Amino acid sequence: MQTIPSSTTRRTSPTPWRSIGGPAAVTAVVGIGGFAFTASNTVPATQAGDGSGTVSGYAISSVHYTLNSTDPSTIDTVGFNLDTTPASGSTIKVKVGGSWYSCTNTVAAVTCDTSAGSPAVQPTTSLQVVVAD
């Protein structure tokens, strides 16, 4: 029979509850501690709604084009009248020759400066007007 020296100890594997018990305890402590230090959100009172209203267009009249004095084959301005005065701060734009131009109004009379793009008269076949209150 063989004798095991007393200086050598026999290692045993830990029991299953010891191998998962330690990490589970740490997780529980961290989880509880983390919960205690979470921040709260403050949500202010807000409003939301749903509704409907009438959306109608404007009637455009008295359309006129001002040609460039040096090159009358290009358009410098487009002017027209609206049937009612748009609300203050409304966006008014026209599309001439494939490009959009900003407009200004005095009451219901609208003028659109197109000189920066100088659309040509010849291929211009339509005028698109957008007014958004």
N, C-alpha and C. Protein backbone atom coordinates (compact mmCIF):
# COMPACT_ATOMS: atom_id res chain seq x y z
N MET A 1 0.84 -1.15 0.00
CA MET A 1 0.00 0.00 0.00
C MET A 1 0.89 1.22 0.00
N GLN A 2 0.43 2.23 -0.71
CA GLN A 2 1.23 3.43 -0.86
C GLN A 2 0.74 4.47 0.12
N THR A 3 1.68 5.18 0.70
CA THR A 3 1.33 6.21 1.68
C THR A 3 1.48 7.58 1.03
N ILE A 4 0.52 8.42 1.29
CA ILE A 4 0.56 9.79 0.75
C ILE A 4 1.23 10.64 1.79
N PRO A 5 2.24 11.35 1.39
CA PRO A 5 2.93 12.21 2.36
C PRO A 5 1.96 13.25 2.93
N SER A 6 2.18 13.65 4.13
CA SER A 6 1.29 14.57 4.82
C SER A 6 1.38 15.99 4.25
N SER A 7 2.45 16.32 3.55
CA SER A 7 2.58 17.67 2.99
C SER A 7 1.71 17.85 1.74
N THR A 8 1.25 16.77 1.17
CA THR A 8 0.40 16.85 -0.02
C THR A 8 -1.05 16.77 0.41
N THR A 9 -1.84 17.71 -0.09
CA THR A 9 -3.26 17.67 0.24
C THR A 9 -4.03 17.34 -1.02
N ARG A 10 -5.10 16.76 -0.81
CA ARG A 10 -5.93 16.35 -1.94
C ARG A 10 -6.91 17.47 -2.26
N ARG A 11 -6.99 17.81 -3.55
CA ARG A 11 -7.91 18.86 -3.99
C ARG A 11 -9.22 18.23 -4.38
N THR A 12 -10.25 18.91 -4.00
CA THR A 12 -11.58 18.44 -4.40
C THR A 12 -12.26 19.57 -5.16
N SER A 13 -13.14 19.22 -6.03
CA SER A 13 -13.85 20.25 -6.79
C SER A 13 -14.91 20.88 -5.89
N PRO A 14 -15.18 22.18 -6.07
CA PRO A 14 -16.18 22.83 -5.21
C PRO A 14 -17.57 22.29 -5.52
N THR A 15 -18.40 22.36 -4.55
CA THR A 15 -19.77 21.90 -4.75
C THR A 15 -20.47 22.89 -5.66
N PRO A 16 -21.48 22.47 -6.40
CA PRO A 16 -22.14 23.35 -7.36
C PRO A 16 -22.71 24.62 -6.75
N TRP A 17 -23.26 24.56 -5.56
CA TRP A 17 -23.85 25.77 -4.97
C TRP A 17 -22.80 26.80 -4.64
N ARG A 18 -21.56 26.38 -4.36
CA ARG A 18 -20.50 27.33 -4.09
C ARG A 18 -20.03 28.01 -5.38
N SER A 19 -20.03 27.30 -6.51
CA SER A 19 -19.52 27.87 -7.75
C SER A 19 -20.50 28.87 -8.36
N ILE A 20 -21.79 28.77 -8.07
CA ILE A 20 -22.74 29.76 -8.59
C ILE A 20 -23.26 30.69 -7.50
N GLY A 21 -23.07 30.32 -6.26
CA GLY A 21 -23.57 31.13 -5.16
C GLY A 21 -22.87 32.47 -5.05
N GLY A 22 -21.57 32.50 -5.24
CA GLY A 22 -20.81 33.75 -5.14
C GLY A 22 -21.21 34.75 -6.21
N PRO A 23 -21.16 34.36 -7.50
CA PRO A 23 -21.57 35.31 -8.55
C PRO A 23 -23.02 35.74 -8.42
N ALA A 24 -23.91 34.86 -8.00
CA ALA A 24 -25.32 35.22 -7.84
C ALA A 24 -25.48 36.27 -6.75
N ALA A 25 -24.74 36.14 -5.67
CA ALA A 25 -24.82 37.10 -4.57
C ALA A 25 -24.29 38.46 -5.03
N VAL A 26 -23.20 38.48 -5.78
CA VAL A 26 -22.65 39.73 -6.28
C VAL A 26 -23.65 40.40 -7.23
N THR A 27 -24.26 39.61 -8.10
CA THR A 27 -25.24 40.15 -9.04
C THR A 27 -26.43 40.74 -8.29
N ALA A 28 -26.90 40.10 -7.27
CA ALA A 28 -28.04 40.59 -6.50
C ALA A 28 -27.69 41.91 -5.82
N VAL A 29 -26.51 42.00 -5.24
CA VAL A 29 -26.10 43.22 -4.55
C VAL A 29 -25.96 44.36 -5.55
N VAL A 30 -25.32 44.11 -6.70
CA VAL A 30 -25.15 45.14 -7.72
C VAL A 30 -26.51 45.56 -8.27
N GLY A 31 -27.39 44.60 -8.49
CA GLY A 31 -28.72 44.93 -9.01
C GLY A 31 -29.51 45.80 -8.06
N ILE A 32 -29.49 45.48 -6.80
CA ILE A 32 -30.22 46.27 -5.81
C ILE A 32 -29.57 47.64 -5.66
N GLY A 33 -28.25 47.67 -5.63
CA GLY A 33 -27.55 48.95 -5.52
C GLY A 33 -27.77 49.80 -6.75
N GLY A 34 -27.77 49.20 -7.94
CA GLY A 34 -28.01 49.95 -9.18
C GLY A 34 -29.40 50.54 -9.21
N PHE A 35 -30.38 49.82 -8.70
CA PHE A 35 -31.75 50.30 -8.65
C PHE A 35 -31.85 51.53 -7.75
N ALA A 36 -31.12 51.53 -6.68
CA ALA A 36 -31.18 52.63 -5.74
C ALA A 36 -30.61 53.91 -6.33
N PHE A 37 -29.71 53.82 -7.33
CA PHE A 37 -29.05 54.99 -7.88
C PHE A 37 -29.52 55.36 -9.29
N THR A 38 -30.61 54.79 -9.77
CA THR A 38 -31.10 55.14 -11.10
C THR A 38 -31.74 56.51 -11.07
N ALA A 39 -31.59 57.24 -12.17
CA ALA A 39 -32.17 58.58 -12.27
C ALA A 39 -33.61 58.48 -12.76
N SER A 40 -34.38 59.47 -12.41
CA SER A 40 -35.76 59.49 -12.90
C SER A 40 -35.87 60.56 -13.98
N ASN A 41 -36.81 60.39 -14.86
CA ASN A 41 -37.05 61.36 -15.93
C ASN A 41 -38.20 62.26 -15.52
N THR A 42 -38.09 63.51 -15.89
CA THR A 42 -39.17 64.45 -15.66
C THR A 42 -39.79 64.76 -17.01
N VAL A 43 -41.06 64.53 -17.15
CA VAL A 43 -41.76 64.76 -18.40
C VAL A 43 -42.73 65.91 -18.19
N PRO A 44 -42.52 67.00 -18.95
CA PRO A 44 -43.42 68.14 -18.77
C PRO A 44 -44.79 67.87 -19.38
N ALA A 45 -45.75 68.63 -18.96
CA ALA A 45 -47.09 68.52 -19.54
C ALA A 45 -47.03 68.98 -20.99
N THR A 46 -47.64 68.23 -21.88
CA THR A 46 -47.62 68.56 -23.30
C THR A 46 -49.03 68.44 -23.86
N GLN A 47 -49.16 68.84 -25.11
CA GLN A 47 -50.45 68.73 -25.77
C GLN A 47 -50.28 68.01 -27.09
N ALA A 48 -51.28 67.30 -27.48
CA ALA A 48 -51.33 66.65 -28.78
C ALA A 48 -52.77 66.71 -29.24
N GLY A 49 -52.95 66.76 -30.52
CA GLY A 49 -54.31 66.84 -31.00
C GLY A 49 -54.44 66.35 -32.43
N ASP A 50 -55.64 66.23 -32.83
CA ASP A 50 -55.96 65.80 -34.19
C ASP A 50 -57.20 66.58 -34.59
N GLY A 51 -57.18 67.09 -35.78
CA GLY A 51 -58.34 67.86 -36.22
C GLY A 51 -58.34 67.98 -37.73
N SER A 52 -59.30 68.67 -38.22
CA SER A 52 -59.37 68.87 -39.66
C SER A 52 -59.84 70.29 -39.94
N GLY A 53 -59.53 70.76 -41.09
CA GLY A 53 -59.95 72.08 -41.51
C GLY A 53 -59.98 72.12 -43.03
N THR A 54 -60.56 73.14 -43.54
CA THR A 54 -60.67 73.29 -44.98
C THR A 54 -59.37 73.82 -45.55
N VAL A 55 -58.89 73.18 -46.57
CA VAL A 55 -57.72 73.65 -47.31
C VAL A 55 -58.21 74.04 -48.69
N SER A 56 -58.09 75.30 -49.00
CA SER A 56 -58.54 75.75 -50.31
C SER A 56 -57.40 76.44 -51.02
N GLY A 57 -57.51 76.55 -52.29
CA GLY A 57 -56.47 77.19 -53.07
C GLY A 57 -56.77 78.67 -53.28
N TYR A 58 -55.85 79.31 -53.94
CA TYR A 58 -56.02 80.71 -54.31
C TYR A 58 -56.36 80.76 -55.80
N ALA A 59 -57.12 81.74 -56.17
CA ALA A 59 -57.35 81.99 -57.59
C ALA A 59 -56.29 82.98 -58.05
N ILE A 60 -55.59 82.64 -59.11
CA ILE A 60 -54.52 83.47 -59.65
C ILE A 60 -55.07 84.23 -60.85
N SER A 61 -54.78 85.52 -60.91
CA SER A 61 -55.23 86.32 -62.06
C SER A 61 -54.15 87.33 -62.44
N SER A 62 -54.33 87.94 -63.58
CA SER A 62 -53.45 89.02 -64.07
C SER A 62 -51.98 88.62 -64.10
N VAL A 63 -51.68 87.44 -64.60
CA VAL A 63 -50.29 86.98 -64.70
C VAL A 63 -49.58 87.81 -65.77
N HIS A 64 -48.40 88.32 -65.41
CA HIS A 64 -47.61 89.07 -66.39
C HIS A 64 -46.12 88.75 -66.20
N TYR A 65 -45.42 88.75 -67.30
CA TYR A 65 -43.99 88.47 -67.32
C TYR A 65 -43.26 89.73 -67.74
N THR A 66 -42.17 90.05 -67.03
CA THR A 66 -41.31 91.17 -67.41
C THR A 66 -40.06 90.57 -68.01
N LEU A 67 -39.79 90.93 -69.26
CA LEU A 67 -38.62 90.39 -69.95
C LEU A 67 -37.38 91.23 -69.64
N ASN A 68 -36.24 90.59 -69.74
CA ASN A 68 -34.96 91.26 -69.52
C ASN A 68 -34.77 92.31 -70.60
N SER A 69 -34.37 93.53 -70.21
CA SER A 69 -34.23 94.62 -71.18
C SER A 69 -33.07 94.41 -72.14
N THR A 70 -32.02 93.73 -71.73
CA THR A 70 -30.87 93.47 -72.60
C THR A 70 -31.10 92.24 -73.46
N ASP A 71 -31.68 91.21 -72.86
CA ASP A 71 -31.95 89.96 -73.59
C ASP A 71 -33.42 89.58 -73.40
N PRO A 72 -34.29 90.06 -74.28
CA PRO A 72 -35.72 89.82 -74.10
C PRO A 72 -36.15 88.37 -74.29
N SER A 73 -35.20 87.47 -74.51
CA SER A 73 -35.56 86.05 -74.59
C SER A 73 -35.57 85.41 -73.21
N THR A 74 -35.25 86.19 -72.15
CA THR A 74 -35.27 85.67 -70.78
C THR A 74 -36.25 86.48 -69.94
N ILE A 75 -36.76 85.86 -68.87
CA ILE A 75 -37.76 86.46 -67.99
C ILE A 75 -37.08 86.96 -66.72
N ASP A 76 -37.29 88.25 -66.40
CA ASP A 76 -36.73 88.83 -65.18
C ASP A 76 -37.66 88.71 -63.98
N THR A 77 -38.95 88.92 -64.18
CA THR A 77 -39.91 88.82 -63.08
C THR A 77 -41.23 88.24 -63.59
N VAL A 78 -41.93 87.63 -62.65
CA VAL A 78 -43.29 87.16 -62.90
C VAL A 78 -44.16 87.83 -61.85
N GLY A 79 -45.26 88.37 -62.27
CA GLY A 79 -46.18 89.01 -61.34
C GLY A 79 -47.59 88.46 -61.54
N PHE A 80 -48.38 88.48 -60.48
CA PHE A 80 -49.78 88.03 -60.56
C PHE A 80 -50.51 88.52 -59.33
N ASN A 81 -51.81 88.37 -59.35
CA ASN A 81 -52.65 88.74 -58.21
C ASN A 81 -53.30 87.47 -57.65
N LEU A 82 -53.44 87.46 -56.34
CA LEU A 82 -54.18 86.40 -55.66
C LEU A 82 -55.58 86.93 -55.35
N ASP A 83 -56.55 86.05 -55.21
CA ASP A 83 -57.91 86.50 -54.92
C ASP A 83 -58.08 87.00 -53.50
N THR A 84 -57.21 86.59 -52.59
CA THR A 84 -57.23 87.09 -51.21
C THR A 84 -55.79 87.30 -50.76
N THR A 85 -55.62 88.12 -49.76
CA THR A 85 -54.28 88.39 -49.23
C THR A 85 -53.84 87.21 -48.37
N PRO A 86 -52.66 86.65 -48.64
CA PRO A 86 -52.18 85.55 -47.81
C PRO A 86 -51.80 86.04 -46.41
N ALA A 87 -51.78 85.12 -45.46
CA ALA A 87 -51.40 85.45 -44.09
C ALA A 87 -49.98 85.98 -44.04
N SER A 88 -49.71 86.86 -43.10
CA SER A 88 -48.36 87.40 -42.92
C SER A 88 -47.36 86.27 -42.70
N GLY A 89 -46.24 86.31 -43.39
CA GLY A 89 -45.22 85.27 -43.25
C GLY A 89 -45.43 84.06 -44.14
N SER A 90 -46.42 84.12 -45.03
CA SER A 90 -46.68 82.99 -45.94
C SER A 90 -45.52 82.81 -46.90
N THR A 91 -45.34 81.58 -47.34
CA THR A 91 -44.33 81.27 -48.35
C THR A 91 -45.02 81.28 -49.71
N ILE A 92 -44.44 82.05 -50.63
CA ILE A 92 -44.98 82.13 -51.98
C ILE A 92 -43.82 81.85 -52.94
N LYS A 93 -44.01 80.89 -53.82
CA LYS A 93 -42.97 80.52 -54.79
C LYS A 93 -43.61 80.22 -56.13
N VAL A 94 -42.82 80.42 -57.19
CA VAL A 94 -43.26 80.04 -58.53
C VAL A 94 -42.20 79.15 -59.16
N LYS A 95 -42.66 78.29 -60.04
CA LYS A 95 -41.75 77.45 -60.81
C LYS A 95 -41.89 77.87 -62.27
N VAL A 96 -40.79 78.37 -62.82
CA VAL A 96 -40.74 78.83 -64.20
C VAL A 96 -39.51 78.19 -64.85
N GLY A 97 -39.70 77.58 -66.00
CA GLY A 97 -38.56 77.00 -66.71
C GLY A 97 -37.84 75.92 -65.92
N GLY A 98 -38.53 75.22 -65.03
CA GLY A 98 -37.93 74.11 -64.28
C GLY A 98 -37.29 74.49 -62.97
N SER A 99 -37.22 75.78 -62.64
CA SER A 99 -36.60 76.22 -61.38
C SER A 99 -37.63 76.95 -60.51
N TRP A 100 -37.41 76.87 -59.19
CA TRP A 100 -38.29 77.54 -58.23
C TRP A 100 -37.69 78.89 -57.85
N TYR A 101 -38.56 79.90 -57.70
CA TYR A 101 -38.15 81.25 -57.33
C TYR A 101 -39.05 81.75 -56.19
N SER A 102 -38.43 82.49 -55.26
CA SER A 102 -39.18 83.07 -54.14
C SER A 102 -39.89 84.33 -54.59
N CYS A 103 -40.99 84.62 -53.93
CA CYS A 103 -41.82 85.76 -54.29
C CYS A 103 -42.08 86.63 -53.06
N THR A 104 -42.48 87.86 -53.31
CA THR A 104 -42.92 88.77 -52.25
C THR A 104 -44.31 89.26 -52.62
N ASN A 105 -45.02 89.71 -51.62
CA ASN A 105 -46.36 90.23 -51.91
C ASN A 105 -46.60 91.54 -51.19
N THR A 106 -47.44 92.35 -51.81
CA THR A 106 -47.99 93.55 -51.20
C THR A 106 -49.49 93.36 -51.29
N VAL A 107 -50.07 93.07 -50.16
CA VAL A 107 -51.48 92.69 -50.06
C VAL A 107 -51.66 91.44 -50.93
N ALA A 108 -52.43 91.52 -52.01
CA ALA A 108 -52.66 90.33 -52.84
C ALA A 108 -51.86 90.35 -54.14
N ALA A 109 -51.07 91.42 -54.35
CA ALA A 109 -50.23 91.52 -55.55
C ALA A 109 -48.88 90.85 -55.27
N VAL A 110 -48.49 89.91 -56.12
CA VAL A 110 -47.28 89.10 -55.90
C VAL A 110 -46.27 89.38 -57.02
N THR A 111 -44.99 89.49 -56.64
CA THR A 111 -43.90 89.67 -57.60
C THR A 111 -42.83 88.63 -57.29
N CYS A 112 -42.35 87.97 -58.34
CA CYS A 112 -41.33 86.92 -58.20
C CYS A 112 -40.13 87.29 -59.07
N ASP A 113 -38.98 87.46 -58.42
CA ASP A 113 -37.76 87.81 -59.14
C ASP A 113 -37.12 86.54 -59.69
N THR A 114 -37.07 86.43 -61.01
CA THR A 114 -36.49 85.24 -61.65
C THR A 114 -35.18 85.58 -62.35
N SER A 115 -34.66 86.81 -62.15
CA SER A 115 -33.48 87.25 -62.89
C SER A 115 -32.23 86.44 -62.56
N ALA A 116 -32.14 85.88 -61.37
CA ALA A 116 -30.96 85.09 -61.01
C ALA A 116 -30.83 83.85 -61.87
N GLY A 117 -31.93 83.25 -62.23
CA GLY A 117 -31.89 82.05 -63.07
C GLY A 117 -32.15 82.34 -64.53
N SER A 118 -32.68 83.52 -64.80
CA SER A 118 -33.00 83.95 -66.17
C SER A 118 -33.64 82.84 -67.01
N PRO A 119 -34.84 82.39 -66.63
CA PRO A 119 -35.48 81.36 -67.45
C PRO A 119 -35.79 81.91 -68.84
N ALA A 120 -35.62 81.07 -69.82
CA ALA A 120 -35.86 81.46 -71.20
C ALA A 120 -37.35 81.47 -71.49
N VAL A 121 -37.77 82.40 -72.32
CA VAL A 121 -39.18 82.52 -72.68
C VAL A 121 -39.62 81.32 -73.52
N GLN A 122 -38.82 80.96 -74.50
CA GLN A 122 -39.22 79.96 -75.49
C GLN A 122 -39.64 78.60 -74.89
N PRO A 123 -38.82 77.93 -74.04
CA PRO A 123 -39.29 76.62 -73.57
C PRO A 123 -40.30 76.68 -72.43
N THR A 124 -40.58 77.88 -71.90
CA THR A 124 -41.51 78.00 -70.79
C THR A 124 -42.93 77.75 -71.29
N THR A 125 -43.49 76.68 -70.76
CA THR A 125 -44.86 76.29 -71.18
C THR A 125 -45.82 76.24 -70.01
N SER A 126 -45.30 76.42 -68.78
CA SER A 126 -46.20 76.37 -67.63
C SER A 126 -45.68 77.24 -66.51
N LEU A 127 -46.57 77.61 -65.62
CA LEU A 127 -46.25 78.40 -64.45
C LEU A 127 -46.91 77.68 -63.27
N GLN A 128 -46.11 77.29 -62.30
CA GLN A 128 -46.64 76.64 -61.10
C GLN A 128 -46.49 77.60 -59.94
N VAL A 129 -47.57 77.82 -59.19
CA VAL A 129 -47.58 78.75 -58.07
C VAL A 129 -47.90 77.97 -56.80
N VAL A 130 -47.11 78.22 -55.74
CA VAL A 130 -47.35 77.60 -54.44
C VAL A 130 -47.43 78.71 -53.41
N VAL A 131 -48.52 78.71 -52.66
CA VAL A 131 -48.70 79.65 -51.54
C VAL A 131 -49.04 78.82 -50.32
N ALA A 132 -48.23 78.93 -49.29
CA ALA A 132 -48.47 78.18 -48.06
C ALA A 132 -48.58 79.15 -46.91
N ASP A 133 -49.75 79.20 -46.29
CA ASP A 133 -49.98 80.07 -45.14
C ASP A 133 -49.40 79.44 -43.90
